Amino acid sequence: MQKEEFLRKFMVHKNKMYRFARSYISDDEEAKDVVQDVLLKLWETAATLNEGKNTEAWCMALVRNKSLDRLKRAERKLRSVGDYSSAEANAVSAEPAPDRRLSNKELGEMIQNSAAALPEKQRAAFHLRDVEGYSYLEISETLEMDMNQVKVNIFRARKALREALTNRISDERRPA
């Protein structure tokens, strides 16, 4: 495969791949590394790729798998070191005072934190649908999941996010 063809087929998806990796991995540099690893793998295997494949869905599936591998590796490393303090520090977020209205930034952070707590399949399906704007068919191909499972996971993710946000907002507005 020539450089121009590679750029045309795969590099157009680079930003989506990054955002998708970022939905799994909270560190910008780590997410960039995931995308770089995937692009390198694509370059190495480009000659053997099936022309009929949906390249975008395939790229996203590779990003998902690589992100999950990195998370598993980090979790094993964290367990072996026995240092849970950094994970606990990441889980605690600065909460606004209850008497303030939520800003768009605060609401965005609440959504992001709540989405990060979703089960992996729900988080991935939600991100691809509501953030990236993928169709159900594209999500089904990307996540290698039945169309009905995609719809169920998106429904459950939205419901869980709605409940988490409602609870959190009502807790913050409740007088002390």
Protein backbone atom coordinates (compact mmCIF):
# COMPACT_ATOMS: atom_id res chain seq x y z
CA MET A 1 0.00 0.00 0.00
CA GLN A 2 1.30 3.42 -0.92
CA LYS A 3 1.57 6.25 1.58
CA GLU A 4 -1.14 8.30 -0.13
CA GLU A 5 -3.60 5.41 -0.06
CA PHE A 6 -2.86 4.76 3.61
CA LEU A 7 -3.42 8.42 4.45
CA ARG A 8 -6.68 8.43 2.51
CA LYS A 9 -8.01 5.19 4.05
CA PHE A 10 -6.87 5.40 7.65
CA MET A 11 -5.55 8.77 8.70
CA VAL A 12 -8.94 10.40 8.11
CA HIS A 13 -10.15 8.44 11.16
CA LYS A 14 -7.29 9.52 13.43
CA ASN A 15 -9.25 12.11 15.44
CA LYS A 16 -12.21 9.78 16.00
CA MET A 17 -9.80 7.04 17.01
CA TYR A 18 -8.20 9.39 19.53
CA ARG A 19 -11.54 10.46 21.01
CA PHE A 20 -12.60 6.83 21.27
CA ALA A 21 -9.33 5.86 22.98
CA ARG A 22 -9.78 8.85 25.29
CA SER A 23 -13.21 7.56 26.31
CA TYR A 24 -11.42 4.52 27.75
CA ILE A 25 -8.14 6.05 28.90
CA SER A 26 -8.09 9.24 30.95
CA ASP A 27 -4.53 10.20 30.02
CA ASP A 28 -4.07 12.20 26.79
CA GLU A 29 -0.59 10.86 26.05
CA GLU A 30 -1.64 7.29 26.67
CA ALA A 31 -4.62 7.71 24.32
CA LYS A 32 -2.28 9.15 21.67
CA ASP A 33 0.00 6.15 22.13
CA VAL A 34 -2.94 3.82 21.57
CA VAL A 35 -3.79 5.55 18.29
CA GLN A 36 -0.16 5.52 17.22
CA ASP A 37 0.11 1.79 17.97
CA VAL A 38 -3.05 1.10 15.98
CA LEU A 39 -1.88 3.17 13.03
CA LEU A 40 1.46 1.37 13.08
CA LYS A 41 -0.29 -1.99 13.09
CA LEU A 42 -2.50 -0.84 10.22
CA TRP A 43 0.55 0.25 8.23
CA GLU A 44 2.27 -3.08 8.82
CA THR A 45 -0.79 -5.13 7.83
CA ALA A 46 -2.28 -2.81 5.19
CA ALA A 47 -1.25 -5.07 2.32
CA THR A 48 -3.26 -8.00 3.71
CA LEU A 49 -6.45 -6.06 4.48
CA ASN A 50 -9.72 -7.10 2.94
CA GLU A 51 -10.94 -4.34 0.62
CA GLY A 52 -14.61 -5.00 1.48
CA LYS A 53 -14.16 -4.18 5.18
CA ASN A 54 -15.51 -1.01 6.72
CA THR A 55 -12.15 0.56 7.52
CA GLU A 56 -13.56 3.00 10.06
CA ALA A 57 -15.30 0.27 12.05
CA TRP A 58 -12.18 -1.85 11.88
CA CYS A 59 -9.99 1.03 13.10
CA MET A 60 -12.33 1.69 16.00
CA ALA A 61 -12.38 -2.00 16.95
CA LEU A 62 -8.58 -2.03 17.02
CA VAL A 63 -8.56 1.10 19.19
CA ARG A 64 -11.04 -0.47 21.61
CA ASN A 65 -8.98 -3.65 21.90
CA LYS A 66 -5.69 -1.79 22.33
CA SER A 67 -7.26 0.54 24.94
CA LEU A 68 -8.61 -2.41 26.91
CA ASP A 69 -5.21 -4.10 26.75
CA ARG A 70 -3.55 -0.98 28.13
CA LEU A 71 -6.12 -0.69 30.92
CA LYS A 72 -5.64 -4.33 31.90
CA ARG A 73 -1.87 -3.92 31.89
CA ALA A 74 -2.11 -0.78 34.04
CA GLU A 75 -4.47 -2.52 36.45
CA ARG A 76 -2.10 -5.48 36.84
CA LYS A 77 0.81 -3.11 37.38
CA LEU A 78 -1.18 -1.15 39.95
CA ARG A 79 -2.10 -4.31 41.81
CA SER A 80 1.46 -5.61 41.79
CA VAL A 81 2.78 -2.34 43.21
CA GLY A 82 -0.08 -2.11 45.70
CA ASP A 83 -0.52 1.62 45.14
CA TYR A 84 -4.22 2.35 45.03
CA SER A 85 -3.88 5.96 46.13
CA SER A 86 -3.60 7.33 42.57
CA ALA A 87 -6.71 5.45 41.46
CA GLU A 88 -8.60 6.78 44.45
CA ALA A 89 -7.36 10.30 43.76
CA ASN A 90 -8.62 10.07 40.17
CA ALA A 91 -12.01 8.82 41.33
CA VAL A 92 -12.55 11.83 43.62
CA SER A 93 -13.48 14.98 41.76
CA ALA A 94 -13.77 18.51 43.01
CA GLU A 95 -17.46 19.13 43.59
CA PRO A 96 -18.97 22.58 43.33
CA ALA A 97 -20.61 24.24 46.29
CA PRO A 98 -24.28 23.24 46.61
CA ASP A 99 -25.52 26.82 46.43
CA ARG A 100 -23.99 27.46 42.98
CA ARG A 101 -25.60 26.76 39.65
CA LEU A 102 -23.80 24.20 37.57
CA SER A 103 -21.69 25.63 34.80
CA ASN A 104 -21.44 23.89 31.43
CA LYS A 105 -17.92 22.81 32.35
CA GLU A 106 -19.08 21.26 35.62
CA LEU A 107 -21.95 19.52 33.91
CA GLY A 108 -19.59 18.21 31.24
CA GLU A 109 -17.25 16.86 33.90
CA MET A 110 -20.17 15.21 35.69
CA ILE A 111 -21.25 13.52 32.47
CA GLN A 112 -17.69 12.44 31.72
CA ASN A 113 -17.20 11.01 35.22
CA SER A 114 -20.56 9.26 35.14
CA ALA A 115 -19.85 7.82 31.68
CA ALA A 116 -16.47 6.56 32.86
CA ALA A 117 -18.25 4.56 35.57
CA LEU A 118 -20.45 2.73 33.05
CA PRO A 119 -19.73 -0.89 32.16
CA GLU A 120 -17.35 -1.17 29.18
CA LYS A 121 -19.92 -2.19 26.56
CA GLN A 122 -22.37 0.54 27.59
CA ARG A 123 -19.64 3.19 27.68
CA ALA A 124 -18.31 2.22 24.25
CA ALA A 125 -21.75 2.06 22.61
CA PHE A 126 -22.80 5.36 24.21
CA HIS A 127 -19.61 7.12 23.13
CA LEU A 128 -19.83 5.90 19.55
CA ARG A 129 -23.50 6.84 19.24
CA ASP A 130 -23.88 10.05 21.22
CA VAL A 131 -20.39 11.52 20.95
CA GLU A 132 -19.15 10.29 17.58
CA GLY A 133 -22.55 10.02 15.89
CA TYR A 134 -22.13 6.47 14.57
CA SER A 135 -25.12 4.57 13.24
CA TYR A 136 -26.30 1.46 15.06
CA LEU A 137 -24.93 -0.67 12.22
CA GLU A 138 -21.50 0.95 12.48
CA ILE A 139 -21.49 0.45 16.24
CA SER A 140 -22.52 -3.16 15.77
CA GLU A 141 -19.60 -3.73 13.41
CA THR A 142 -17.12 -1.80 15.54
CA LEU A 143 -17.98 -3.52 18.81
CA GLU A 144 -18.70 -6.88 17.14
CA MET A 145 -22.06 -6.94 18.86
CA ASP A 146 -25.58 -7.81 17.73
CA MET A 147 -27.68 -4.78 16.74
CA ASN A 148 -30.18 -5.43 19.55
CA GLN A 149 -27.35 -5.58 22.08
CA VAL A 150 -26.11 -2.22 20.80
CA LYS A 151 -29.53 -0.65 21.29
CA VAL A 152 -29.92 -2.16 24.76
CA ASN A 153 -26.47 -0.99 25.84
CA ILE A 154 -27.12 2.54 24.60
CA PHE A 155 -30.50 2.62 26.33
CA ARG A 156 -29.02 1.38 29.61
CA ALA A 157 -26.09 3.80 29.39
CA ARG A 158 -28.40 6.76 28.83
CA LYS A 159 -30.68 5.66 31.66
CA ALA A 160 -27.74 5.20 34.05
CA LEU A 161 -26.29 8.59 33.12
CA ARG A 162 -29.64 10.30 33.54
CA GLU A 163 -30.08 8.73 37.00
CA ALA A 164 -26.51 9.51 38.08
CA LEU A 165 -26.79 13.12 36.98
CA THR A 166 -30.21 13.59 38.54
CA ASN A 167 -28.99 12.16 41.85
CA ARG A 168 -25.80 14.17 41.84
CA ILE A 169 -27.50 17.45 40.97
CA SER A 170 -30.20 16.96 43.60
CA ASP A 171 -27.51 16.09 46.20
CA GLU A 172 -25.61 19.28 45.39
CA ARG A 173 -28.71 21.45 45.63
CA ARG A 174 -29.92 19.91 48.88
CA PRO A 175 -29.33 22.25 51.87
CA ALA A 176 -26.60 21.11 54.25
